[in-house]
Amino acid sequence: MLGPLPQQCDVEQCLKKWQQGHDTTTIGSDNHRMLVFESETSCSFFLMPEYTLVEHVDTIAADLSGLDIIGIDTEFMREKTFFAELCLVQISTEDSIYCVDPLVDSGMQLFWETVMESGWVAHSARQDIEVIYQAAERMPKRLFDTQIAAGLLGFAPQMGYANLISELFGVEIPKTHTRADWSKRPLADDLLQYAAEDVQYLLPAWQSLTEALDKKGRLAWAKEDSAQLLKPALYDIDPQLAINRLKGARKLRGRHRAAAARLATWRESHALRVNRPRQWIAKDAALIEVAYRLPTSIEALQEIENLPAGLVRRSGKHLLELIAASDKDDISYRPPAAPGEAQKVLLKSMQKKVADCADDLGLAAETVASKKDLSAVIIGGNRESRIFDGWRREIIGDDLQKML
């Protein structure tokens, strides 16, 4: 819990240690830890108790209500389904850790309504937000992503949670259950302990990172970038855009491209309806082959390698109808052209400018603007890029705009 200055922590000693870098102390057993966080101006401690497994969320609704900030993480499975199956939600507060089981409790609506009112702290939050958005059909009001925040302080981009906690607090978090089956019940105690540790240090990390960002004048940057993950458009699925995920489709032209688009839309819609992975319905290579050959009979479909016989039997007639209908579709699409020499030169110049800017700030270049960002602007013509918005626009976006 966040509390008064512990007797064993002297403010002067904390200040001296801060001048040499962050310093923390971990006290207690594996399941009941006190993390002492020492900053330049204060010294706080976090008492992290054993987790509470929650199978009936109404028992903790009052405890979670009205909290300004919580740590959150999820465990899920998606190997056999289109939508990830949410299997566990871990919540950390100032004095508790809850492992909430969404598979055994039907009263999750009240839980979601309660936690959505708090600000969330999460690490590399995009997948967690996606899974929760699919399950709860709503977003939290505020998000602070500790991975984003760390990157804006000069830590390695995309730093993992365990590495960040080790860097901040000198605590080693074992990653021993990364391939566990979280859908099995009952969940073993070692799995729940592992899950609890994924939120145990989120609030201490939030305090540490927030203070450091504020000192550098970058706290608003972290909030801005974190808020981008709360845009529903990132997670909404439009089958009409499925062609963009079909590997090999970019190279197709004319009628072949039109057929591929119809096939990709059909597969996406079917996968959504039966909740099975796209590749389980039909592999990318098989759909590309169908679009390339443009078969007109069941026999021709049956000759296509990797196209499941059962699929041809059940849906072959419909696939042939889709192929035939593509004859009337727009065939103006052309594969993206290779970048010209002038574009290559401009890309290198922009990368150099970004690298110099990032170096001055003590950041990795990709944190400011990645090569993919710049290529999308130069080659793809994207003028809605993040580099022309918010803090990036202020520090470099306007200069890059002038180079176009």
Protein backbone atom coordinates (compact mmCIF):
# COMPACT_ATOMS: atom_id res chain seq x y z
CA MET A 1 0.00 0.00 0.00
CA LEU A 2 1.09 3.57 -0.50
CA GLY A 3 1.82 4.74 3.00
CA PRO A 4 3.87 6.93 5.29
CA LEU A 5 7.63 6.93 5.27
CA PRO A 6 8.88 3.59 6.66
CA GLN A 7 11.09 3.92 9.68
CA GLN A 8 13.90 1.97 8.04
CA CYS A 9 14.12 4.44 5.13
CA ASP A 10 15.95 7.70 5.80
CA VAL A 11 15.06 10.59 3.46
CA GLU A 12 18.67 11.77 3.20
CA GLN A 13 19.78 8.26 2.30
CA CYS A 14 16.99 8.05 -0.27
CA LEU A 15 18.14 11.30 -1.85
CA LYS A 16 21.76 10.14 -2.06
CA LYS A 17 20.71 6.85 -3.58
CA TRP A 18 18.45 8.62 -6.09
CA GLN A 19 21.39 10.73 -7.24
CA GLN A 20 23.05 7.45 -8.13
CA GLY A 21 19.90 6.12 -9.77
CA HIS A 22 16.62 4.47 -8.61
CA ASP A 23 16.84 2.36 -5.51
CA THR A 24 14.35 -0.05 -4.03
CA THR A 25 14.23 -2.64 -1.35
CA THR A 26 12.13 -5.78 -1.38
CA ILE A 27 11.22 -7.24 1.98
CA GLY A 28 9.30 -10.38 2.88
CA SER A 29 8.34 -13.77 1.54
CA ASP A 30 7.61 -14.59 -2.09
CA ASN A 31 3.86 -14.23 -1.58
CA HIS A 32 3.85 -11.19 0.70
CA ARG A 33 6.28 -8.48 -0.34
CA MET A 34 6.92 -4.92 0.67
CA LEU A 35 8.49 -2.87 -2.10
CA VAL A 36 10.12 0.32 -0.84
CA PHE A 37 10.25 2.96 -3.59
CA GLU A 38 12.68 5.77 -2.96
CA SER A 39 12.38 8.94 -5.03
CA GLU A 40 14.08 12.31 -4.97
CA THR A 41 11.48 13.92 -2.77
CA SER A 42 9.81 11.08 -0.95
CA CYS A 43 10.00 7.47 0.00
CA SER A 44 6.91 5.30 -0.29
CA PHE A 45 6.33 1.63 0.24
CA PHE A 46 4.01 -0.86 -1.38
CA LEU A 47 2.82 -3.79 0.67
CA MET A 48 1.77 -6.43 -1.80
CA PRO A 49 -0.28 -9.18 -0.16
CA GLU A 50 -1.12 -12.61 -1.48
CA TYR A 51 -3.57 -12.61 -4.35
CA THR A 52 -7.27 -13.23 -3.88
CA LEU A 53 -8.91 -15.56 -6.40
CA VAL A 54 -12.30 -14.04 -7.24
CA GLU A 55 -14.96 -16.36 -8.61
CA HIS A 56 -17.89 -14.09 -7.69
CA VAL A 57 -17.18 -10.51 -8.65
CA ASP A 58 -19.93 -9.04 -6.53
CA THR A 59 -17.71 -9.75 -3.51
CA ILE A 60 -15.11 -7.19 -4.63
CA ALA A 61 -17.22 -4.59 -6.44
CA ALA A 62 -17.25 -2.33 -3.38
CA ASP A 63 -13.47 -2.68 -2.94
CA LEU A 64 -12.84 -1.58 -6.53
CA SER A 65 -15.43 1.17 -6.69
CA GLY A 66 -14.14 4.74 -6.75
CA LEU A 67 -10.45 3.89 -7.18
CA ASP A 68 -8.53 6.51 -9.14
CA ILE A 69 -5.95 4.07 -10.51
CA ILE A 70 -5.57 0.30 -10.80
CA GLY A 71 -3.05 -2.04 -12.39
CA ILE A 72 -4.47 -4.54 -14.86
CA ASP A 73 -3.33 -7.51 -16.91
CA THR A 74 -5.04 -10.45 -18.59
CA GLU A 75 -4.45 -14.07 -19.47
CA PHE A 76 -6.19 -15.40 -22.56
CA MET A 77 -6.18 -18.14 -25.16
CA ARG A 78 -6.59 -17.62 -28.89
CA GLU A 79 -4.99 -20.63 -30.57
CA LYS A 80 -8.31 -22.34 -31.38
CA THR A 81 -10.62 -19.36 -31.79
CA PHE A 82 -10.95 -16.21 -33.86
CA PHE A 83 -11.66 -14.10 -30.80
CA ALA A 84 -9.31 -14.45 -27.87
CA GLU A 85 -10.92 -16.21 -24.92
CA LEU A 86 -10.49 -14.11 -21.79
CA CYS A 87 -9.47 -16.53 -19.05
CA LEU A 88 -8.26 -14.35 -16.17
CA VAL A 89 -8.19 -10.66 -15.23
CA GLN A 90 -5.59 -9.56 -12.71
CA ILE A 91 -6.18 -6.32 -10.81
CA SER A 92 -3.78 -4.60 -8.44
CA THR A 93 -4.78 -1.79 -6.12
CA GLU A 94 -2.72 0.03 -3.52
CA ASP A 95 -3.15 -2.82 -1.06
CA SER A 96 -4.58 -5.85 -2.87
CA ILE A 97 -4.20 -8.16 -5.84
CA TYR A 98 -7.25 -9.86 -7.31
CA CYS A 99 -7.28 -12.67 -9.86
CA VAL A 100 -10.76 -12.50 -11.34
CA ASP A 101 -12.06 -15.60 -13.10
CA PRO A 102 -14.40 -14.56 -15.93
CA LEU A 103 -15.16 -18.16 -16.89
CA VAL A 104 -17.10 -19.08 -13.75
CA ASP A 105 -18.93 -15.85 -12.95
CA SER A 106 -21.88 -14.60 -14.95
CA GLY A 107 -21.93 -11.22 -13.21
CA MET A 108 -19.04 -9.65 -15.09
CA GLN A 109 -21.10 -6.67 -16.25
CA LEU A 110 -20.97 -5.07 -12.80
CA PHE A 111 -17.25 -5.76 -12.62
CA TRP A 112 -16.60 -4.08 -15.97
CA GLU A 113 -18.79 -1.11 -15.09
CA THR A 114 -16.79 -0.65 -11.89
CA VAL A 115 -13.25 -0.97 -13.23
CA MET A 116 -13.94 1.14 -16.32
CA GLU A 117 -14.34 4.15 -14.04
CA SER A 118 -10.72 3.90 -12.84
CA GLY A 119 -7.56 4.84 -14.68
CA TRP A 120 -5.65 1.75 -15.81
CA VAL A 121 -1.96 1.00 -15.63
CA ALA A 122 -0.87 -1.81 -17.93
CA HIS A 123 2.27 -2.94 -19.74
CA SER A 124 2.19 -3.32 -23.52
CA ALA A 125 -1.54 -2.91 -23.25
CA ARG A 126 -2.77 -3.32 -26.81
CA GLN A 127 -3.63 -7.02 -26.61
CA ASP A 128 -5.15 -6.64 -23.15
CA ILE A 129 -7.33 -3.77 -24.35
CA GLU A 130 -8.35 -5.75 -27.43
CA VAL A 131 -9.39 -8.81 -25.43
CA ILE A 132 -11.25 -6.77 -22.81
CA TYR A 133 -12.95 -4.64 -25.48
CA GLN A 134 -14.21 -7.80 -27.16
CA ALA A 135 -15.46 -9.21 -23.86
CA ALA A 136 -16.87 -6.04 -22.27
CA GLU A 137 -17.61 -3.93 -25.36
CA ARG A 138 -16.22 -0.86 -23.64
CA MET A 139 -12.99 0.96 -22.89
CA PRO A 140 -11.50 2.44 -19.72
CA LYS A 141 -11.52 6.20 -19.39
CA ARG A 142 -7.76 6.49 -18.98
CA LEU A 143 -4.73 4.33 -19.71
CA PHE A 144 -1.07 4.57 -18.74
CA ASP A 145 1.07 2.06 -20.64
CA THR A 146 4.32 1.43 -18.77
CA GLN A 147 6.05 0.13 -21.91
CA ILE A 148 5.28 3.36 -23.75
CA ALA A 149 6.33 5.40 -20.73
CA ALA A 150 9.63 3.54 -20.42
CA GLY A 151 10.41 4.14 -24.09
CA LEU A 152 9.90 7.87 -23.59
CA LEU A 153 12.51 7.82 -20.85
CA GLY A 154 15.12 6.18 -23.07
CA PHE A 155 14.63 2.56 -22.11
CA ALA A 156 14.81 0.05 -24.94
CA PRO A 157 11.76 0.22 -27.23
CA GLN A 158 9.22 -2.54 -26.65
CA MET A 159 10.88 -3.50 -23.36
CA GLY A 160 9.20 -6.47 -21.72
CA TYR A 161 7.55 -6.21 -18.32
CA ALA A 162 10.03 -8.45 -16.51
CA ASN A 163 12.99 -6.52 -17.89
CA LEU A 164 11.45 -3.19 -16.95
CA ILE A 165 10.73 -4.27 -13.37
CA SER A 166 14.28 -5.58 -13.12
CA GLU A 167 15.65 -2.25 -14.36
CA LEU A 168 13.44 -0.17 -12.07
CA PHE A 169 13.49 -2.21 -8.89
CA GLY A 170 16.09 -4.97 -9.20
CA VAL A 171 13.33 -7.57 -8.86
CA GLU A 172 13.49 -10.66 -11.05
CA ILE A 173 10.12 -11.96 -12.24
CA PRO A 174 10.27 -15.54 -13.56
CA LYS A 175 8.51 -16.19 -16.88
CA THR A 176 7.80 -19.87 -16.36
CA HIS A 177 4.20 -20.21 -17.56
CA THR A 178 4.12 -18.30 -20.83
CA ARG A 179 2.57 -21.27 -22.66
CA ALA A 180 0.12 -22.36 -19.97
CA ASP A 181 -3.45 -23.35 -20.80
CA TRP A 182 -5.33 -20.64 -18.92
CA SER A 183 -8.72 -22.07 -19.86
CA LYS A 184 -8.28 -25.17 -17.69
CA ARG A 185 -10.01 -25.26 -14.34
CA PRO A 186 -9.16 -25.28 -11.55
CA LEU A 187 -6.13 -23.03 -12.02
CA ALA A 188 -3.12 -24.23 -10.07
CA ASP A 189 -1.71 -22.00 -7.34
CA ASP A 190 1.61 -21.57 -9.15
CA LEU A 191 -0.25 -20.28 -12.23
CA LEU A 192 -2.23 -17.82 -10.14
CA GLN A 193 0.93 -16.66 -8.38
CA TYR A 194 2.57 -16.13 -11.77
CA ALA A 195 -0.47 -14.16 -12.94
CA ALA A 196 -0.50 -12.06 -9.77
CA GLU A 197 3.15 -11.13 -10.23
CA ASP A 198 2.27 -9.61 -13.60
CA VAL A 199 0.39 -6.84 -11.81
CA GLN A 200 2.28 -6.76 -8.52
CA TYR A 201 4.67 -4.00 -9.57
CA LEU A 202 2.50 -2.05 -12.00
CA LEU A 203 1.54 0.69 -9.55
CA PRO A 204 5.09 1.12 -8.21
CA ALA A 205 6.28 1.29 -11.83
CA TRP A 206 3.58 3.85 -12.63
CA GLN A 207 4.72 6.03 -9.73
CA SER A 208 8.39 5.75 -10.68
CA LEU A 209 7.84 6.38 -14.39
CA THR A 210 5.34 9.18 -13.83
CA GLU A 211 7.75 11.06 -11.60
CA ALA A 212 10.65 10.65 -14.03
CA LEU A 213 8.54 11.69 -17.02
CA ASP A 214 7.19 14.71 -15.19
CA LYS A 215 10.73 15.89 -14.43
CA LYS A 216 11.61 15.67 -18.13
CA GLY A 217 8.40 17.35 -19.25
CA ARG A 218 7.25 14.19 -21.05
CA LEU A 219 4.37 12.97 -18.92
CA ALA A 220 1.88 14.40 -21.41
CA TRP A 221 3.67 12.46 -24.16
CA ALA A 222 3.11 9.16 -22.37
CA LYS A 223 -0.53 9.96 -21.71
CA GLU A 224 -1.03 10.95 -25.35
CA ASP A 225 0.55 7.80 -26.77
CA SER A 226 -1.24 5.58 -24.25
CA ALA A 227 -4.59 7.14 -25.16
CA GLN A 228 -4.09 6.07 -28.78
CA LEU A 229 -4.63 2.47 -27.63
CA LEU A 230 -8.18 3.35 -26.55
CA LYS A 231 -9.44 3.99 -30.06
CA PRO A 232 -12.09 1.37 -30.93
CA ALA A 233 -11.10 1.52 -34.60
CA LEU A 234 -7.90 -0.34 -33.72
CA TYR A 235 -9.93 -3.38 -32.71
CA ASP A 236 -13.09 -3.25 -34.80
CA ILE A 237 -13.12 -5.93 -37.50
CA ASP A 238 -14.35 -5.11 -41.00
CA PRO A 239 -14.51 -8.18 -43.29
CA GLN A 240 -14.42 -5.87 -46.31
CA LEU A 241 -10.83 -5.01 -45.40
CA ALA A 242 -9.72 -8.63 -45.02
CA ILE A 243 -7.88 -8.49 -48.36
CA ASN A 244 -5.23 -6.41 -46.59
CA ARG A 245 -4.41 -9.39 -44.35
CA LEU A 246 -4.25 -11.95 -47.17
CA LYS A 247 -0.59 -12.74 -47.71
CA GLY A 248 0.34 -12.50 -51.37
CA ALA A 249 -2.70 -10.48 -52.42
CA ARG A 250 -0.76 -7.24 -52.93
CA LYS A 251 0.87 -8.71 -56.03
CA LEU A 252 -2.38 -9.68 -57.73
CA ARG A 253 -3.93 -7.58 -60.47
CA GLY A 254 -7.25 -7.21 -62.23
CA ARG A 255 -9.77 -10.02 -61.97
CA HIS A 256 -7.43 -12.09 -59.81
CA ARG A 257 -7.25 -9.31 -57.21
CA ALA A 258 -11.03 -8.85 -57.30
CA ALA A 259 -11.58 -12.57 -56.72
CA ALA A 260 -9.06 -12.59 -53.87
CA ALA A 261 -10.90 -9.69 -52.21
CA ARG A 262 -14.21 -11.55 -52.33
CA LEU A 263 -12.64 -14.75 -51.01
CA ALA A 264 -10.90 -12.93 -48.17
CA THR A 265 -14.13 -11.19 -47.16
CA TRP A 266 -15.97 -14.52 -47.20
CA ARG A 267 -13.32 -16.24 -45.07
CA GLU A 268 -13.28 -13.37 -42.55
CA SER A 269 -17.05 -13.41 -42.20
CA HIS A 270 -17.12 -17.19 -41.86
CA ALA A 271 -14.31 -17.18 -39.28
CA LEU A 272 -16.17 -14.55 -37.26
CA ARG A 273 -19.40 -16.53 -37.40
CA VAL A 274 -17.92 -19.86 -36.27
CA ASN A 275 -15.24 -18.26 -34.06
CA ARG A 276 -12.34 -20.15 -35.59
CA PRO A 277 -8.93 -18.87 -36.78
CA ARG A 278 -8.81 -17.68 -40.38
CA GLN A 279 -6.18 -20.22 -41.35
CA TRP A 280 -8.38 -23.02 -40.04
CA ILE A 281 -11.05 -22.06 -42.57
CA ALA A 282 -8.66 -21.85 -45.51
CA LYS A 283 -4.96 -21.05 -45.66
CA ASP A 284 -3.77 -17.86 -47.35
CA ALA A 285 -1.85 -19.79 -49.99
CA ALA A 286 -4.94 -21.78 -50.92
CA LEU A 287 -7.08 -18.66 -51.40
CA ILE A 288 -4.37 -17.02 -53.47
CA GLU A 289 -4.22 -20.11 -55.66
CA VAL A 290 -7.98 -20.06 -56.11
CA ALA A 291 -7.84 -16.38 -57.09
CA TYR A 292 -5.01 -17.07 -59.49
CA ARG A 293 -6.68 -20.03 -61.24
CA LEU A 294 -10.25 -18.69 -61.17
CA PRO A 295 -11.80 -22.18 -61.24
CA THR A 296 -15.29 -22.61 -62.70
CA SER A 297 -16.16 -26.08 -61.42
CA ILE A 298 -16.09 -28.15 -58.23
CA GLU A 299 -13.62 -30.47 -59.91
CA ALA A 300 -11.25 -27.56 -60.54
CA LEU A 301 -11.58 -26.46 -56.91
CA GLN A 302 -10.74 -29.97 -55.74
CA GLU A 303 -7.44 -29.81 -57.61
CA ILE A 304 -6.19 -26.84 -55.59
CA GLU A 305 -3.58 -27.88 -53.05
CA ASN A 306 -4.30 -27.19 -49.35
CA LEU A 307 -7.95 -26.37 -49.99
CA PRO A 308 -9.74 -28.69 -47.53
CA ALA A 309 -11.98 -31.28 -49.14
CA GLY A 310 -14.62 -30.64 -46.51
CA LEU A 311 -14.62 -26.94 -47.37
CA VAL A 312 -15.10 -27.69 -51.07
CA ARG A 313 -17.91 -30.08 -50.22
CA ARG A 314 -19.72 -27.64 -47.92
CA SER A 315 -18.96 -24.30 -49.55
CA GLY A 316 -17.58 -25.05 -53.00
CA LYS A 317 -20.69 -23.85 -54.83
CA HIS A 318 -20.63 -20.55 -52.93
CA LEU A 319 -16.92 -20.06 -53.64
CA LEU A 320 -17.57 -20.52 -57.34
CA GLU A 321 -20.35 -17.93 -57.15
CA LEU A 322 -17.94 -15.47 -55.50
CA ILE A 323 -15.37 -16.06 -58.23
CA ALA A 324 -17.95 -15.58 -60.96
CA ALA A 325 -19.26 -12.37 -59.35
CA SER A 326 -15.75 -10.88 -59.29
CA ASP A 327 -16.00 -10.53 -63.07
CA LYS A 328 -18.08 -7.39 -62.50
CA ASP A 329 -15.85 -5.85 -59.79
CA ASP A 330 -13.50 -2.92 -60.03
CA ILE A 331 -10.19 -4.10 -61.47
CA SER A 332 -8.30 -0.81 -61.30
CA TYR A 333 -6.07 -1.92 -58.40
CA ARG A 334 -2.36 -1.90 -59.10
CA PRO A 335 0.33 -3.36 -56.82
CA PRO A 336 2.34 -0.73 -54.91
CA ALA A 337 5.25 0.50 -56.99
CA ALA A 338 8.77 0.03 -55.73
CA PRO A 339 10.18 3.23 -54.22
CA GLY A 340 12.01 5.44 -56.67
CA GLU A 341 15.52 6.77 -56.16
CA ALA A 342 14.27 10.17 -55.06
CA GLN A 343 12.03 8.54 -52.46
CA LYS A 344 14.92 6.42 -51.17
CA VAL A 345 17.09 9.49 -50.78
CA LEU A 346 14.31 11.36 -48.98
CA LEU A 347 13.73 8.40 -46.66
CA LYS A 348 17.39 8.33 -45.67
CA SER A 349 17.40 12.08 -45.09
CA MET A 350 14.32 11.86 -42.89
CA GLN A 351 15.76 8.92 -40.96
CA LYS A 352 18.90 10.95 -40.30
CA LYS A 353 16.88 13.91 -39.05
CA VAL A 354 14.81 11.65 -36.79
CA ALA A 355 17.94 9.92 -35.47
CA ASP A 356 19.56 13.27 -34.62
CA CYS A 357 16.41 14.47 -32.87
CA ALA A 358 16.05 11.23 -30.92
CA ASP A 359 19.72 11.32 -29.92
CA ASP A 360 19.30 14.83 -28.53
CA LEU A 361 16.37 13.57 -26.45
CA GLY A 362 18.10 10.40 -25.33
CA LEU A 363 15.51 8.24 -27.09
CA ALA A 364 15.58 5.44 -29.62
CA ALA A 365 14.84 6.73 -33.11
CA GLU A 366 11.86 4.39 -33.54
CA THR A 367 10.24 5.90 -30.45
CA VAL A 368 10.11 9.23 -32.26
CA ALA A 369 9.35 7.90 -35.75
CA SER A 370 9.99 4.44 -37.13
CA LYS A 371 11.14 3.61 -40.64
CA LYS A 372 7.66 2.20 -41.24
CA ASP A 373 6.13 5.55 -40.23
CA LEU A 374 8.38 7.45 -42.61
CA SER A 375 7.90 4.99 -45.48
CA ALA A 376 4.13 5.29 -45.15
CA VAL A 377 4.45 9.06 -45.47
CA ILE A 378 6.90 9.10 -48.39
CA ILE A 379 5.78 6.09 -50.39
CA GLY A 380 2.21 5.57 -49.21
CA GLY A 381 1.28 9.24 -49.04
CA ASN A 382 -0.04 8.98 -45.47
CA ARG A 383 -0.57 12.50 -44.16
CA GLU A 384 -2.47 11.26 -41.09
CA SER A 385 0.68 9.74 -39.59
CA ARG A 386 1.36 10.07 -35.88
CA ILE A 387 4.51 12.05 -36.73
CA PHE A 388 2.30 14.95 -37.81
CA ASP A 389 0.27 14.96 -34.61
CA GLY A 390 0.71 15.77 -30.93
CA TRP A 391 4.14 15.93 -29.33
CA ARG A 392 5.87 14.44 -32.36
CA ARG A 393 4.62 17.24 -34.55
CA GLU A 394 6.03 19.77 -32.11
CA ILE A 395 9.52 18.28 -31.90
CA ILE A 396 10.01 17.09 -35.49
CA GLY A 397 6.78 16.63 -37.46
CA ASP A 398 6.66 20.16 -38.86
CA ASP A 399 10.30 19.91 -39.97
CA LEU A 400 9.65 16.60 -41.70
CA GLN A 401 6.57 18.08 -43.40
CA LYS A 402 8.78 20.75 -44.95
CA MET A 403 11.01 18.04 -46.46
CA LEU A 404 8.17 16.52 -48.48
